[in-house]
Amino acid sequence: MRSTPKSIRIPSPILDAVEHLRKPGHPFADYPSLNAAIVGLLRYAVAFPRTHELTAGIARLPENEQDKIDDFLAASARDSIDLRGLLPKPATAEAILSLACRLQT
């Protein structure tokens, strides 16, 4: 594989969630490695480019609010909680932050 080493920072809860989703029976189980899963997600985003207001909105939030969302997303992945029915369409950063604050203890 042609590749270029890059140093990026991935929030630990998000990395933990991706690792969890790589377990058998989960959505990323077919990926042979964490790297393959991350590259696969990037390939999908490049193959089908569109605006991602939810994730762009999260990226614009203060770091402490991003942390709350990341912790919530990790817990949701671990507990197999489907967020599609809990968030408005289209989902927004503010809506997921509100849900995270409401459901986390």
N, C-alpha and C. Protein backbone atom coordinates (compact mmCIF):
# COMPACT_ATOMS: atom_id res chain seq x y z
N MET A 1 0.84 -1.18 0.00
CA MET A 1 0.00 0.00 0.00
C MET A 1 0.88 1.24 0.00
N ARG A 2 0.57 2.14 -0.85
CA ARG A 2 1.25 3.43 -0.82
C ARG A 2 0.63 4.23 0.32
N SER A 3 1.46 4.72 1.19
CA SER A 3 0.92 5.51 2.30
C SER A 3 1.97 6.49 2.76
N THR A 4 1.49 7.50 3.44
CA THR A 4 2.35 8.52 4.01
C THR A 4 2.09 8.56 5.50
N PRO A 5 3.11 8.36 6.30
CA PRO A 5 2.90 8.46 7.75
C PRO A 5 2.47 9.88 8.12
N LYS A 6 1.42 9.97 8.89
CA LYS A 6 0.91 11.25 9.39
C LYS A 6 0.65 11.10 10.87
N SER A 7 0.87 12.16 11.57
CA SER A 7 0.54 12.16 12.98
C SER A 7 -0.76 12.95 13.15
N ILE A 8 -1.80 12.25 13.63
CA ILE A 8 -3.07 12.92 13.89
C ILE A 8 -3.49 12.60 15.31
N ARG A 9 -4.34 13.43 15.84
CA ARG A 9 -4.84 13.21 17.20
C ARG A 9 -6.29 12.76 17.09
N ILE A 10 -6.56 11.59 17.66
CA ILE A 10 -7.92 11.05 17.69
C ILE A 10 -8.32 10.95 19.15
N PRO A 11 -9.44 11.55 19.52
CA PRO A 11 -9.87 11.46 20.92
C PRO A 11 -9.96 10.00 21.37
N SER A 12 -9.44 9.71 22.54
CA SER A 12 -9.41 8.34 23.06
C SER A 12 -10.78 7.67 23.06
N PRO A 13 -11.86 8.36 23.48
CA PRO A 13 -13.16 7.69 23.47
C PRO A 13 -13.61 7.29 22.05
N ILE A 14 -13.26 8.10 21.06
CA ILE A 14 -13.63 7.78 19.68
C ILE A 14 -12.84 6.57 19.20
N LEU A 15 -11.56 6.55 19.52
CA LEU A 15 -10.72 5.41 19.16
C LEU A 15 -11.23 4.14 19.84
N ASP A 16 -11.60 4.26 21.11
CA ASP A 16 -12.17 3.12 21.84
C ASP A 16 -13.46 2.64 21.17
N ALA A 17 -14.29 3.58 20.73
CA ALA A 17 -15.55 3.22 20.08
C ALA A 17 -15.30 2.48 18.77
N VAL A 18 -14.34 2.96 17.98
CA VAL A 18 -14.02 2.29 16.72
C VAL A 18 -13.49 0.88 17.00
N GLU A 19 -12.64 0.76 18.00
CA GLU A 19 -12.14 -0.57 18.38
C GLU A 19 -13.29 -1.49 18.79
N HIS A 20 -14.22 -0.97 19.55
CA HIS A 20 -15.38 -1.77 19.96
C HIS A 20 -16.20 -2.19 18.74
N LEU A 21 -16.39 -1.28 17.81
CA LEU A 21 -17.19 -1.56 16.63
C LEU A 21 -16.49 -2.52 15.66
N ARG A 22 -15.22 -2.83 15.91
CA ARG A 22 -14.49 -3.81 15.11
C ARG A 22 -14.68 -5.24 15.63
N LYS A 23 -15.31 -5.38 16.78
CA LYS A 23 -15.52 -6.71 17.34
C LYS A 23 -16.53 -7.49 16.50
N PRO A 24 -16.46 -8.83 16.55
CA PRO A 24 -17.41 -9.66 15.79
C PRO A 24 -18.86 -9.27 16.07
N GLY A 25 -19.63 -9.21 15.00
CA GLY A 25 -21.04 -8.87 15.12
C GLY A 25 -21.32 -7.38 15.08
N HIS A 26 -20.27 -6.56 14.99
CA HIS A 26 -20.44 -5.11 14.95
C HIS A 26 -20.13 -4.58 13.55
N PRO A 27 -20.51 -3.33 13.26
CA PRO A 27 -20.41 -2.79 11.90
C PRO A 27 -19.01 -2.79 11.27
N PHE A 28 -17.96 -2.67 12.05
CA PHE A 28 -16.61 -2.60 11.47
C PHE A 28 -15.85 -3.92 11.62
N ALA A 29 -16.56 -5.00 11.88
CA ALA A 29 -15.91 -6.29 12.13
C ALA A 29 -15.11 -6.80 10.93
N ASP A 30 -15.48 -6.42 9.73
CA ASP A 30 -14.78 -6.92 8.54
C ASP A 30 -13.43 -6.26 8.30
N TYR A 31 -13.14 -5.19 9.01
CA TYR A 31 -11.84 -4.53 8.83
C TYR A 31 -10.77 -5.31 9.60
N PRO A 32 -9.65 -5.61 8.95
CA PRO A 32 -8.62 -6.43 9.60
C PRO A 32 -7.80 -5.69 10.66
N SER A 33 -7.90 -4.37 10.71
CA SER A 33 -7.12 -3.60 11.68
C SER A 33 -7.79 -2.27 11.94
N LEU A 34 -7.36 -1.62 13.00
CA LEU A 34 -7.86 -0.28 13.30
C LEU A 34 -7.53 0.67 12.16
N ASN A 35 -6.30 0.59 11.66
CA ASN A 35 -5.89 1.45 10.55
C ASN A 35 -6.80 1.23 9.34
N ALA A 36 -7.09 -0.03 9.03
CA ALA A 36 -7.95 -0.33 7.89
C ALA A 36 -9.35 0.25 8.08
N ALA A 37 -9.86 0.22 9.30
CA ALA A 37 -11.18 0.79 9.58
C ALA A 37 -11.18 2.30 9.38
N ILE A 38 -10.16 2.96 9.88
CA ILE A 38 -10.09 4.42 9.74
C ILE A 38 -9.91 4.81 8.28
N VAL A 39 -9.02 4.12 7.57
CA VAL A 39 -8.83 4.40 6.14
C VAL A 39 -10.12 4.10 5.39
N GLY A 40 -10.82 3.04 5.77
CA GLY A 40 -12.09 2.72 5.12
C GLY A 40 -13.12 3.83 5.28
N LEU A 41 -13.20 4.39 6.47
CA LEU A 41 -14.13 5.49 6.71
C LEU A 41 -13.75 6.72 5.89
N LEU A 42 -12.46 6.98 5.80
CA LEU A 42 -11.99 8.11 4.98
C LEU A 42 -12.26 7.85 3.50
N ARG A 43 -12.04 6.63 3.05
CA ARG A 43 -12.33 6.29 1.65
C ARG A 43 -13.81 6.51 1.34
N TYR A 44 -14.67 6.10 2.25
CA TYR A 44 -16.11 6.29 2.05
C TYR A 44 -16.43 7.79 1.92
N ALA A 45 -15.85 8.59 2.80
CA ALA A 45 -16.10 10.03 2.76
C ALA A 45 -15.59 10.66 1.46
N VAL A 46 -14.48 10.13 0.94
CA VAL A 46 -13.94 10.65 -0.32
C VAL A 46 -14.77 10.15 -1.51
N ALA A 47 -15.22 8.91 -1.46
CA ALA A 47 -16.00 8.34 -2.56
C ALA A 47 -17.37 9.01 -2.68
N PHE A 48 -17.95 9.38 -1.55
CA PHE A 48 -19.28 9.98 -1.53
C PHE A 48 -19.23 11.31 -0.78
N PRO A 49 -18.52 12.29 -1.35
CA PRO A 49 -18.34 13.54 -0.63
C PRO A 49 -19.64 14.33 -0.48
N ARG A 50 -19.82 14.81 0.72
CA ARG A 50 -20.95 15.70 1.00
C ARG A 50 -20.62 16.47 2.27
N THR A 51 -21.38 17.49 2.51
CA THR A 51 -21.19 18.27 3.73
C THR A 51 -21.60 17.43 4.93
N HIS A 52 -20.79 17.45 5.95
CA HIS A 52 -21.08 16.72 7.19
C HIS A 52 -21.26 17.75 8.30
N GLU A 53 -22.42 18.37 8.31
CA GLU A 53 -22.65 19.46 9.26
C GLU A 53 -22.57 18.98 10.70
N LEU A 54 -22.99 17.76 10.98
CA LEU A 54 -22.91 17.25 12.35
C LEU A 54 -21.47 17.23 12.84
N THR A 55 -20.59 16.57 12.11
CA THR A 55 -19.21 16.45 12.58
C THR A 55 -18.46 17.76 12.46
N ALA A 56 -18.77 18.56 11.44
CA ALA A 56 -18.13 19.88 11.34
C ALA A 56 -18.59 20.77 12.50
N GLY A 57 -19.87 20.64 12.85
CA GLY A 57 -20.39 21.41 13.98
C GLY A 57 -19.74 21.01 15.29
N ILE A 58 -19.53 19.71 15.47
CA ILE A 58 -18.84 19.24 16.68
C ILE A 58 -17.43 19.79 16.72
N ALA A 59 -16.76 19.80 15.58
CA ALA A 59 -15.38 20.30 15.51
C ALA A 59 -15.28 21.78 15.89
N ARG A 60 -16.36 22.53 15.71
CA ARG A 60 -16.36 23.96 16.05
C ARG A 60 -16.71 24.23 17.51
N LEU A 61 -17.18 23.22 18.23
CA LEU A 61 -17.54 23.41 19.64
C LEU A 61 -16.29 23.54 20.50
N PRO A 62 -16.43 24.13 21.68
CA PRO A 62 -15.30 24.17 22.62
C PRO A 62 -14.87 22.74 22.97
N GLU A 63 -13.61 22.58 23.30
CA GLU A 63 -13.05 21.25 23.55
C GLU A 63 -13.80 20.49 24.64
N ASN A 64 -14.21 21.17 25.71
CA ASN A 64 -14.91 20.47 26.79
C ASN A 64 -16.26 19.92 26.32
N GLU A 65 -16.92 20.60 25.39
CA GLU A 65 -18.18 20.10 24.85
C GLU A 65 -17.92 18.94 23.88
N GLN A 66 -16.84 19.02 23.11
CA GLN A 66 -16.46 17.90 22.25
C GLN A 66 -16.18 16.67 23.10
N ASP A 67 -15.51 16.87 24.24
CA ASP A 67 -15.21 15.75 25.14
C ASP A 67 -16.49 15.08 25.63
N LYS A 68 -17.50 15.88 25.99
CA LYS A 68 -18.78 15.31 26.44
C LYS A 68 -19.42 14.47 25.34
N ILE A 69 -19.38 14.99 24.12
CA ILE A 69 -19.96 14.26 22.99
C ILE A 69 -19.17 12.98 22.73
N ASP A 70 -17.84 13.07 22.74
CA ASP A 70 -17.01 11.89 22.49
C ASP A 70 -17.26 10.80 23.54
N ASP A 71 -17.36 11.20 24.79
CA ASP A 71 -17.65 10.22 25.85
C ASP A 71 -19.02 9.57 25.62
N PHE A 72 -19.98 10.38 25.24
CA PHE A 72 -21.33 9.89 24.98
C PHE A 72 -21.35 8.94 23.78
N LEU A 73 -20.65 9.31 22.71
CA LEU A 73 -20.60 8.45 21.54
C LEU A 73 -19.94 7.11 21.85
N ALA A 74 -18.88 7.15 22.63
CA ALA A 74 -18.19 5.91 23.02
C ALA A 74 -19.13 5.02 23.84
N ALA A 75 -19.84 5.61 24.79
CA ALA A 75 -20.78 4.84 25.62
C ALA A 75 -21.92 4.30 24.76
N SER A 76 -22.38 5.09 23.81
CA SER A 76 -23.46 4.64 22.92
C SER A 76 -23.00 3.46 22.07
N ALA A 77 -21.77 3.53 21.56
CA ALA A 77 -21.23 2.41 20.77
C ALA A 77 -21.09 1.17 21.64
N ARG A 78 -20.55 1.35 22.82
CA ARG A 78 -20.33 0.22 23.74
C ARG A 78 -21.65 -0.43 24.13
N ASP A 79 -22.70 0.38 24.32
CA ASP A 79 -24.00 -0.13 24.77
C ASP A 79 -24.96 -0.40 23.61
N SER A 80 -24.45 -0.30 22.38
CA SER A 80 -25.25 -0.55 21.17
C SER A 80 -26.51 0.30 21.12
N ILE A 81 -26.38 1.56 21.45
CA ILE A 81 -27.50 2.50 21.39
C ILE A 81 -27.53 3.12 20.00
N ASP A 82 -28.65 2.98 19.31
CA ASP A 82 -28.82 3.56 17.98
C ASP A 82 -29.31 4.99 18.15
N LEU A 83 -28.48 5.93 17.81
CA LEU A 83 -28.80 7.34 18.02
C LEU A 83 -29.73 7.92 16.95
N ARG A 84 -29.93 7.20 15.87
CA ARG A 84 -30.75 7.75 14.78
C ARG A 84 -32.14 8.15 15.23
N GLY A 85 -32.75 7.36 16.10
CA GLY A 85 -34.09 7.67 16.55
C GLY A 85 -34.15 8.69 17.68
N LEU A 86 -32.99 9.01 18.23
CA LEU A 86 -32.93 9.94 19.36
C LEU A 86 -32.56 11.36 18.96
N LEU A 87 -32.11 11.51 17.72
CA LEU A 87 -31.66 12.82 17.25
C LEU A 87 -32.58 13.32 16.14
N PRO A 88 -32.70 14.66 16.02
CA PRO A 88 -33.51 15.21 14.93
C PRO A 88 -32.84 14.95 13.58
N LYS A 89 -33.60 15.09 12.53
CA LYS A 89 -33.06 14.98 11.17
C LYS A 89 -33.11 16.36 10.55
N PRO A 90 -32.04 16.94 10.12
CA PRO A 90 -30.68 16.43 10.26
C PRO A 90 -30.17 16.63 11.68
N ALA A 91 -29.31 15.73 12.10
CA ALA A 91 -28.71 15.84 13.43
C ALA A 91 -27.77 17.03 13.46
N THR A 92 -27.72 17.68 14.61
CA THR A 92 -26.82 18.83 14.76
C THR A 92 -25.91 18.61 15.96
N ALA A 93 -24.83 19.35 15.98
CA ALA A 93 -23.90 19.27 17.11
C ALA A 93 -24.62 19.66 18.40
N GLU A 94 -25.45 20.67 18.33
CA GLU A 94 -26.16 21.13 19.52
C GLU A 94 -27.12 20.06 20.03
N ALA A 95 -27.78 19.36 19.11
CA ALA A 95 -28.73 18.32 19.51
C ALA A 95 -28.01 17.14 20.17
N ILE A 96 -26.88 16.75 19.62
CA ILE A 96 -26.17 15.61 20.21
C ILE A 96 -25.53 16.01 21.54
N LEU A 97 -25.09 17.26 21.65
CA LEU A 97 -24.56 17.74 22.94
C LEU A 97 -25.68 17.75 23.99
N SER A 98 -26.84 18.21 23.62
CA SER A 98 -27.98 18.23 24.53
C SER A 98 -28.34 16.82 24.97
N LEU A 99 -28.38 15.89 24.03
CA LEU A 99 -28.68 14.50 24.35
C LEU A 99 -27.61 13.91 25.26
N ALA A 100 -26.35 14.20 24.97
CA ALA A 100 -25.26 13.71 25.79
C ALA A 100 -25.38 14.22 27.22
N CYS A 101 -25.67 15.50 27.37
CA CYS A 101 -25.78 16.07 28.71
C CYS A 101 -26.99 15.51 29.45
N ARG A 102 -28.07 15.24 28.74
CA ARG A 102 -29.30 14.72 29.35
C ARG A 102 -29.15 13.26 29.77
N LEU A 103 -28.45 12.46 28.96
CA LEU A 103 -28.39 11.02 29.22
C LEU A 103 -27.19 10.56 30.04
N GLN A 104 -26.14 11.37 30.07
CA GLN A 104 -24.96 10.97 30.85
C GLN A 104 -25.14 11.37 32.30
N THR A 105 -24.59 10.53 33.16
CA THR A 105 -24.68 10.85 34.58
C THR A 105 -23.33 11.29 35.10
